[in-house]
Amino acid sequence: MNPHQSTKDVATLVKNPDLVEKRRRQIIDAAVELFIENGFHKTTTRQIASAAGFSIGSLYEYVKSKEDILYLVCDAIHQEMIHSVTEALSQATEAKNALAAAVREYFLVCHRMSDHILLIYQETQSLPQNWRKKVLENEVMITGLFVDILARLIASGDLPEMDEHTIELAAHNITVLGHMWTFRRWFLARHYSIDDYIAIQTRLILGLTHRKSD
């Protein structure tokens, strides 16, 4: 995972931005595994430093607190999701395929990062208010990608007209369906492969958004 541009908000004592990005990537990769395995509260900064190959003093040159690390982890998870959906859109060859392509890639990311998504939902409340607000803004940003897709397809005539509130709710439905694989995988994974889940949910989504004659 790569630290995103917004993580410049996290204070550092190191002036070299490339070195900060490199070291924070190491911190994030080490921390996310420990947070998933042990939980945020039971993981210590000393454990994170050790797993990342740092001394505790070196760790604090790049972050001020364990909460900063949790924010960096949450931000990296969101940015990977945003990147994957955006990449899927750039590769869609036909407008009417863009929504299905974006849904598929988003659901695959949710499948691949199920533990990471669960971590965000479980531990966001541990963040200070300023970081929690930014994490929630990132959640809205992901939904906004689907708002943009739906609005673009409506404008091109590939989807029926919907008002702004309906578009927004439809976009939230899509993002929550991706998260449902994370929250209900204890049941769903016993009955559906991820490809089955994507195919069925995509048919449902397209059935709700396409004209009867399509």
C-alpha atoms as a PDB file:
ATOM      1  CA  MET A   1       0.000   0.000   0.000  1.00  0.00           C
ATOM      2  CA  ASN A   2       1.181   3.484  -0.761  1.00  0.00           C
ATOM      3  CA  PRO A   3       0.709   6.462   1.535  1.00  0.00           C
ATOM      4  CA  HIS A   4      -1.498   8.955  -0.244  1.00  0.00           C
ATOM      5  CA  GLN A   5      -0.908  12.634  -0.805  1.00  0.00           C
ATOM      6  CA  SER A   6      -3.334  13.551   1.984  1.00  0.00           C
ATOM      7  CA  THR A   7      -1.100  11.865   4.553  1.00  0.00           C
ATOM      8  CA  LYS A   8       1.179  14.893   4.320  1.00  0.00           C
ATOM      9  CA  ASP A   9      -1.161  16.157   7.022  1.00  0.00           C
ATOM     10  CA  VAL A  10       0.514  13.704   9.394  1.00  0.00           C
ATOM     11  CA  ALA A  11       3.477  15.454  10.998  1.00  0.00           C
ATOM     12  CA  THR A  12       7.008  14.152  10.414  1.00  0.00           C
ATOM     13  CA  LEU A  13      10.470  15.244  11.536  1.00  0.00           C
ATOM     14  CA  VAL A  14      12.018  14.055   8.258  1.00  0.00           C
ATOM     15  CA  LYS A  15      12.316  16.608   5.453  1.00  0.00           C
ATOM     16  CA  ASN A  16      12.894  14.220   2.531  1.00  0.00           C
ATOM     17  CA  PRO A  17       9.393  13.437   1.118  1.00  0.00           C
ATOM     18  CA  ASP A  18      10.575  10.358  -0.813  1.00  0.00           C
ATOM     19  CA  LEU A  19      12.116   8.893   2.320  1.00  0.00           C
ATOM     20  CA  VAL A  20       8.966   9.691   4.305  1.00  0.00           C
ATOM     21  CA  GLU A  21       6.839   7.867   1.720  1.00  0.00           C
ATOM     22  CA  LYS A  22       9.176   4.852   1.702  1.00  0.00           C
ATOM     23  CA  ARG A  23       9.367   4.556   5.494  1.00  0.00           C
ATOM     24  CA  ARG A  24       5.647   5.125   5.976  1.00  0.00           C
ATOM     25  CA  ARG A  25       4.921   2.387   3.474  1.00  0.00           C
ATOM     26  CA  GLN A  26       6.980   0.048   5.658  1.00  0.00           C
ATOM     27  CA  ILE A  27       5.137   1.239   8.755  1.00  0.00           C
ATOM     28  CA  ILE A  28       1.723   0.768   7.100  1.00  0.00           C
ATOM     29  CA  ASP A  29       2.511  -2.733   5.836  1.00  0.00           C
ATOM     30  CA  ALA A  30       3.737  -3.795   9.274  1.00  0.00           C
ATOM     31  CA  ALA A  31       0.907  -2.112  11.180  1.00  0.00           C
ATOM     32  CA  VAL A  32      -1.996  -3.404   9.115  1.00  0.00           C
ATOM     33  CA  GLU A  33      -1.047  -7.025   9.742  1.00  0.00           C
ATOM     34  CA  LEU A  34      -0.649  -6.412  13.477  1.00  0.00           C
ATOM     35  CA  PHE A  35      -3.921  -4.466  13.708  1.00  0.00           C
ATOM     36  CA  ILE A  36      -5.792  -7.246  11.900  1.00  0.00           C
ATOM     37  CA  GLU A  37      -4.202  -9.973  14.015  1.00  0.00           C
ATOM     38  CA  ASN A  38      -4.234  -8.326  17.442  1.00  0.00           C
ATOM     39  CA  GLY A  39      -6.579  -5.347  17.167  1.00  0.00           C
ATOM     40  CA  PHE A  40      -5.598  -1.701  17.355  1.00  0.00           C
ATOM     41  CA  HIS A  41      -5.631  -1.366  21.137  1.00  0.00           C
ATOM     42  CA  LYS A  42      -3.569  -4.487  21.817  1.00  0.00           C
ATOM     43  CA  THR A  43      -0.897  -3.548  19.280  1.00  0.00           C
ATOM     44  CA  THR A  44       1.945  -1.383  20.587  1.00  0.00           C
ATOM     45  CA  THR A  45       4.057   1.096  18.669  1.00  0.00           C
ATOM     46  CA  ARG A  46       7.096  -0.918  19.752  1.00  0.00           C
ATOM     47  CA  GLN A  47       5.649  -3.993  18.009  1.00  0.00           C
ATOM     48  CA  ILE A  48       4.979  -1.942  14.869  1.00  0.00           C
ATOM     49  CA  ALA A  49       8.509  -0.529  14.910  1.00  0.00           C
ATOM     50  CA  SER A  50      10.002  -3.998  15.312  1.00  0.00           C
ATOM     51  CA  ALA A  51       7.887  -5.486  12.508  1.00  0.00           C
ATOM     52  CA  ALA A  52       8.853  -2.578  10.223  1.00  0.00           C
ATOM     53  CA  GLY A  53      12.545  -2.969  11.066  1.00  0.00           C
ATOM     54  CA  PHE A  54      12.810   0.345  12.949  1.00  0.00           C
ATOM     55  CA  SER A  55      13.856   1.378  16.400  1.00  0.00           C
ATOM     56  CA  ILE A  56      11.048   2.996  18.373  1.00  0.00           C
ATOM     57  CA  GLY A  57      12.906   6.304  18.143  1.00  0.00           C
ATOM     58  CA  SER A  58      13.105   6.067  14.359  1.00  0.00           C
ATOM     59  CA  LEU A  59       9.395   5.287  14.147  1.00  0.00           C
ATOM     60  CA  TYR A  60       8.539   8.523  15.938  1.00  0.00           C
ATOM     61  CA  GLU A  61      10.466  10.489  13.334  1.00  0.00           C
ATOM     62  CA  TYR A  62       7.733   9.609  10.840  1.00  0.00           C
ATOM     63  CA  VAL A  63       4.600   9.618  13.024  1.00  0.00           C
ATOM     64  CA  LYS A  64       3.637  11.112  16.368  1.00  0.00           C
ATOM     65  CA  SER A  65       1.290   8.426  17.649  1.00  0.00           C
ATOM     66  CA  LYS A  66      -0.330   5.043  17.052  1.00  0.00           C
ATOM     67  CA  GLU A  67      -3.467   6.929  15.982  1.00  0.00           C
ATOM     68  CA  ASP A  68      -1.439   8.557  13.186  1.00  0.00           C
ATOM     69  CA  ILE A  69      -0.446   5.075  12.025  1.00  0.00           C
ATOM     70  CA  LEU A  70      -4.073   3.901  12.055  1.00  0.00           C
ATOM     71  CA  TYR A  71      -5.048   6.897   9.949  1.00  0.00           C
ATOM     72  CA  LEU A  72      -2.241   6.138   7.471  1.00  0.00           C
ATOM     73  CA  VAL A  73      -3.462   2.539   7.260  1.00  0.00           C
ATOM     74  CA  CYS A  74      -7.096   3.593   6.666  1.00  0.00           C
ATOM     75  CA  ASP A  75      -6.042   6.131   4.052  1.00  0.00           C
ATOM     76  CA  ALA A  76      -3.878   3.587   2.204  1.00  0.00           C
ATOM     77  CA  ILE A  77      -6.768   1.101   2.110  1.00  0.00           C
ATOM     78  CA  HIS A  78      -9.139   3.723   0.698  1.00  0.00           C
ATOM     79  CA  GLN A  79      -6.648   4.899  -1.912  1.00  0.00           C
ATOM     80  CA  GLU A  80      -6.129   1.365  -3.193  1.00  0.00           C
ATOM     81  CA  MET A  81      -9.892   0.997  -3.573  1.00  0.00           C
ATOM     82  CA  ILE A  82     -10.199   4.342  -5.373  1.00  0.00           C
ATOM     83  CA  HIS A  83      -7.287   3.479  -7.678  1.00  0.00           C
ATOM     84  CA  SER A  84      -8.777   0.086  -8.615  1.00  0.00           C
ATOM     85  CA  VAL A  85     -12.204   1.479  -9.474  1.00  0.00           C
ATOM     86  CA  THR A  86     -10.707   4.375 -11.444  1.00  0.00           C
ATOM     87  CA  GLU A  87      -8.473   1.946 -13.358  1.00  0.00           C
ATOM     88  CA  ALA A  88     -11.470  -0.237 -14.220  1.00  0.00           C
ATOM     89  CA  LEU A  89     -13.312   2.789 -15.596  1.00  0.00           C
ATOM     90  CA  SER A  90     -10.353   3.787 -17.756  1.00  0.00           C
ATOM     91  CA  GLN A  91     -10.333   0.322 -19.344  1.00  0.00           C
ATOM     92  CA  ALA A  92     -14.078   0.054 -20.038  1.00  0.00           C
ATOM     93  CA  THR A  93     -14.473   0.174 -23.826  1.00  0.00           C
ATOM     94  CA  GLU A  94     -18.200   0.938 -23.953  1.00  0.00           C
ATOM     95  CA  ALA A  95     -20.175   3.362 -21.829  1.00  0.00           C
ATOM     96  CA  LYS A  96     -22.792   0.780 -20.874  1.00  0.00           C
ATOM     97  CA  ASN A  97     -20.041  -1.572 -19.677  1.00  0.00           C
ATOM     98  CA  ALA A  98     -18.448   1.032 -17.411  1.00  0.00           C
ATOM     99  CA  LEU A  99     -20.817   0.471 -14.492  1.00  0.00           C
ATOM    100  CA  ALA A 100     -20.455  -3.332 -14.596  1.00  0.00           C
ATOM    101  CA  ALA A 101     -16.659  -3.032 -14.893  1.00  0.00           C
ATOM    102  CA  ALA A 102     -16.443  -0.634 -11.966  1.00  0.00           C
ATOM    103  CA  VAL A 103     -18.748  -2.779  -9.822  1.00  0.00           C
ATOM    104  CA  ARG A 104     -16.705  -5.891 -10.585  1.00  0.00           C
ATOM    105  CA  GLU A 105     -13.378  -4.266  -9.733  1.00  0.00           C
ATOM    106  CA  TYR A 106     -14.764  -2.679  -6.584  1.00  0.00           C
ATOM    107  CA  PHE A 107     -16.203  -5.986  -5.367  1.00  0.00           C
ATOM    108  CA  LEU A 108     -12.912  -7.747  -6.115  1.00  0.00           C
ATOM    109  CA  VAL A 109     -11.078  -5.154  -4.044  1.00  0.00           C
ATOM    110  CA  CYS A 110     -13.588  -5.673  -1.220  1.00  0.00           C
ATOM    111  CA  HIS A 111     -12.947  -9.417  -1.462  1.00  0.00           C
ATOM    112  CA  ARG A 112      -9.175  -9.027  -1.516  1.00  0.00           C
ATOM    113  CA  MET A 113      -9.182  -6.495   1.289  1.00  0.00           C
ATOM    114  CA  SER A 114     -11.983  -7.892   3.456  1.00  0.00           C
ATOM    115  CA  ASP A 115      -9.844  -7.905   6.603  1.00  0.00           C
ATOM    116  CA  HIS A 116      -8.686  -4.364   5.885  1.00  0.00           C
ATOM    117  CA  ILE A 117     -12.225  -3.038   5.395  1.00  0.00           C
ATOM    118  CA  LEU A 118     -13.352  -4.741   8.580  1.00  0.00           C
ATOM    119  CA  LEU A 119     -10.424  -3.109  10.352  1.00  0.00           C
ATOM    120  CA  ILE A 120     -11.591   0.353   9.253  1.00  0.00           C
ATOM    121  CA  TYR A 121     -15.116  -0.248  10.529  1.00  0.00           C
ATOM    122  CA  GLN A 122     -13.925  -1.702  13.813  1.00  0.00           C
ATOM    123  CA  GLU A 123     -11.252   0.843  14.633  1.00  0.00           C
ATOM    124  CA  THR A 124     -12.302   4.178  13.099  1.00  0.00           C
ATOM    125  CA  GLN A 125     -13.795   5.209  16.441  1.00  0.00           C
ATOM    126  CA  SER A 126     -10.265   4.977  17.918  1.00  0.00           C
ATOM    127  CA  LEU A 127      -9.111   7.883  15.767  1.00  0.00           C
ATOM    128  CA  PRO A 128      -9.076  11.502  16.914  1.00  0.00           C
ATOM    129  CA  GLN A 129     -11.953  13.506  15.468  1.00  0.00           C
ATOM    130  CA  ASN A 130      -9.878  15.175  12.740  1.00  0.00           C
ATOM    131  CA  TRP A 131      -8.591  11.840  11.390  1.00  0.00           C
ATOM    132  CA  ARG A 132     -12.000  10.180  11.758  1.00  0.00           C
ATOM    133  CA  LYS A 133     -13.542  12.957   9.681  1.00  0.00           C
ATOM    134  CA  LYS A 134     -10.980  12.398   6.908  1.00  0.00           C
ATOM    135  CA  VAL A 135     -11.569   8.636   6.898  1.00  0.00           C
ATOM    136  CA  LEU A 136     -15.316   9.200   6.531  1.00  0.00           C
ATOM    137  CA  GLU A 137     -14.648  11.694   3.740  1.00  0.00           C
ATOM    138  CA  ASN A 138     -12.710   8.967   1.931  1.00  0.00           C
ATOM    139  CA  GLU A 139     -15.706   6.652   2.283  1.00  0.00           C
ATOM    140  CA  VAL A 140     -17.891   9.297   0.671  1.00  0.00           C
ATOM    141  CA  MET A 141     -15.272   9.788  -2.047  1.00  0.00           C
ATOM    142  CA  ILE A 142     -15.537   6.117  -3.045  1.00  0.00           C
ATOM    143  CA  THR A 143     -19.321   6.403  -3.232  1.00  0.00           C
ATOM    144  CA  GLY A 144     -18.804   9.558  -5.283  1.00  0.00           C
ATOM    145  CA  LEU A 145     -17.050   7.513  -7.978  1.00  0.00           C
ATOM    146  CA  PHE A 146     -20.265   5.578  -8.499  1.00  0.00           C
ATOM    147  CA  VAL A 147     -22.333   8.771  -8.391  1.00  0.00           C
ATOM    148  CA  ASP A 148     -20.158  10.090 -11.243  1.00  0.00           C
ATOM    149  CA  ILE A 149     -20.485   6.852 -13.239  1.00  0.00           C
ATOM    150  CA  LEU A 150     -24.271   6.812 -12.919  1.00  0.00           C
ATOM    151  CA  ALA A 151     -24.586  10.510 -13.774  1.00  0.00           C
ATOM    152  CA  ARG A 152     -22.345  10.086 -16.829  1.00  0.00           C
ATOM    153  CA  LEU A 153     -24.327   7.109 -18.120  1.00  0.00           C
ATOM    154  CA  ILE A 154     -27.615   8.977 -17.624  1.00  0.00           C
ATOM    155  CA  ALA A 155     -26.211  11.963 -19.518  1.00  0.00           C
ATOM    156  CA  SER A 156     -25.136   9.696 -22.411  1.00  0.00           C
ATOM    157  CA  GLY A 157     -28.561   8.054 -22.569  1.00  0.00           C
ATOM    158  CA  ASP A 158     -27.315   4.638 -21.430  1.00  0.00           C
ATOM    159  CA  LEU A 159     -29.370   4.753 -18.229  1.00  0.00           C
ATOM    160  CA  PRO A 160     -32.882   6.091 -17.602  1.00  0.00           C
ATOM    161  CA  GLU A 161     -33.311   9.484 -15.977  1.00  0.00           C
ATOM    162  CA  MET A 162     -32.881   9.590 -12.207  1.00  0.00           C
ATOM    163  CA  ASP A 163     -32.979  12.554  -9.900  1.00  0.00           C
ATOM    164  CA  GLU A 164     -29.945  13.516  -7.829  1.00  0.00           C
ATOM    165  CA  HIS A 165     -31.153  11.850  -4.634  1.00  0.00           C
ATOM    166  CA  THR A 166     -31.894   8.574  -6.425  1.00  0.00           C
ATOM    167  CA  ILE A 167     -28.451   8.555  -8.052  1.00  0.00           C
ATOM    168  CA  GLU A 168     -26.784   9.154  -4.703  1.00  0.00           C
ATOM    169  CA  LEU A 169     -28.771   6.406  -2.982  1.00  0.00           C
ATOM    170  CA  ALA A 170     -28.046   3.969  -5.833  1.00  0.00           C
ATOM    171  CA  ALA A 171     -24.325   4.722  -5.457  1.00  0.00           C
ATOM    172  CA  HIS A 172     -24.484   4.080  -1.709  1.00  0.00           C
ATOM    173  CA  ASN A 173     -26.282   0.797  -2.399  1.00  0.00           C
ATOM    174  CA  ILE A 174     -23.391  -0.327  -4.610  1.00  0.00           C
ATOM    175  CA  THR A 175     -20.720   0.519  -2.060  1.00  0.00           C
ATOM    176  CA  VAL A 176     -22.635  -1.201   0.738  1.00  0.00           C
ATOM    177  CA  LEU A 177     -23.110  -4.341  -1.370  1.00  0.00           C
ATOM    178  CA  GLY A 178     -19.337  -4.506  -1.676  1.00  0.00           C
ATOM    179  CA  HIS A 179     -18.963  -4.185   2.077  1.00  0.00           C
ATOM    180  CA  MET A 180     -21.629  -6.834   2.595  1.00  0.00           C
ATOM    181  CA  TRP A 181     -19.200  -9.432   1.262  1.00  0.00           C
ATOM    182  CA  THR A 182     -16.872  -8.406   4.094  1.00  0.00           C
ATOM    183  CA  PHE A 183     -19.476  -8.415   6.857  1.00  0.00           C
ATOM    184  CA  ARG A 184     -21.389 -11.529   5.760  1.00  0.00           C
ATOM    185  CA  ARG A 185     -18.556 -13.558   4.285  1.00  0.00           C
ATOM    186  CA  TRP A 186     -18.890 -16.070   7.157  1.00  0.00           C
ATOM    187  CA  PHE A 187     -22.115 -17.111   5.429  1.00  0.00           C
ATOM    188  CA  LEU A 188     -21.748 -15.937   1.822  1.00  0.00           C
ATOM    189  CA  ALA A 189     -18.379 -17.580   1.167  1.00  0.00           C
ATOM    190  CA  ARG A 190     -19.917 -20.972   2.038  1.00  0.00           C
ATOM    191  CA  HIS A 191     -22.585 -20.593  -0.636  1.00  0.00           C
ATOM    192  CA  TYR A 192     -21.122 -18.330  -3.342  1.00  0.00           C
ATOM    193  CA  SER A 193     -17.760 -17.835  -4.968  1.00  0.00           C
ATOM    194  CA  ILE A 194     -16.743 -14.191  -5.312  1.00  0.00           C
ATOM    195  CA  ASP A 195     -17.407 -14.482  -9.077  1.00  0.00           C
ATOM    196  CA  ASP A 196     -20.925 -15.808  -8.404  1.00  0.00           C
ATOM    197  CA  TYR A 197     -21.544 -12.989  -5.939  1.00  0.00           C
ATOM    198  CA  ILE A 198     -20.335 -10.358  -8.408  1.00  0.00           C
ATOM    199  CA  ALA A 199     -22.410 -11.790 -11.271  1.00  0.00           C
ATOM    200  CA  ILE A 200     -25.640 -11.944  -9.260  1.00  0.00           C
ATOM    201  CA  GLN A 201     -25.217  -8.533  -7.633  1.00  0.00           C
ATOM    202  CA  THR A 202     -24.275  -6.940 -10.962  1.00  0.00           C
ATOM    203  CA  ARG A 203     -27.442  -8.324 -12.577  1.00  0.00           C
ATOM    204  CA  LEU A 204     -29.468  -6.890  -9.699  1.00  0.00           C
ATOM    205  CA  ILE A 205     -27.753  -3.490  -9.956  1.00  0.00           C
ATOM    206  CA  LEU A 206     -28.119  -3.323 -13.729  1.00  0.00           C
ATOM    207  CA  GLY A 207     -31.716  -4.489 -13.466  1.00  0.00           C
ATOM    208  CA  LEU A 208     -32.494  -1.555 -11.181  1.00  0.00           C
ATOM    209  CA  THR A 209     -30.693   0.988 -13.346  1.00  0.00           C
ATOM    210  CA  HIS A 210     -31.403  -0.073 -16.927  1.00  0.00           C
ATOM    211  CA  ARG A 211     -34.512   0.482 -19.016  1.00  0.00           C
ATOM    212  CA  LYS A 212     -36.994  -2.367 -19.361  1.00  0.00           C
ATOM    213  CA  SER A 213     -36.185  -2.625 -23.083  1.00  0.00           C
ATOM    214  CA  ASP A 214     -32.404  -2.990 -22.479  1.00  0.00           C
END
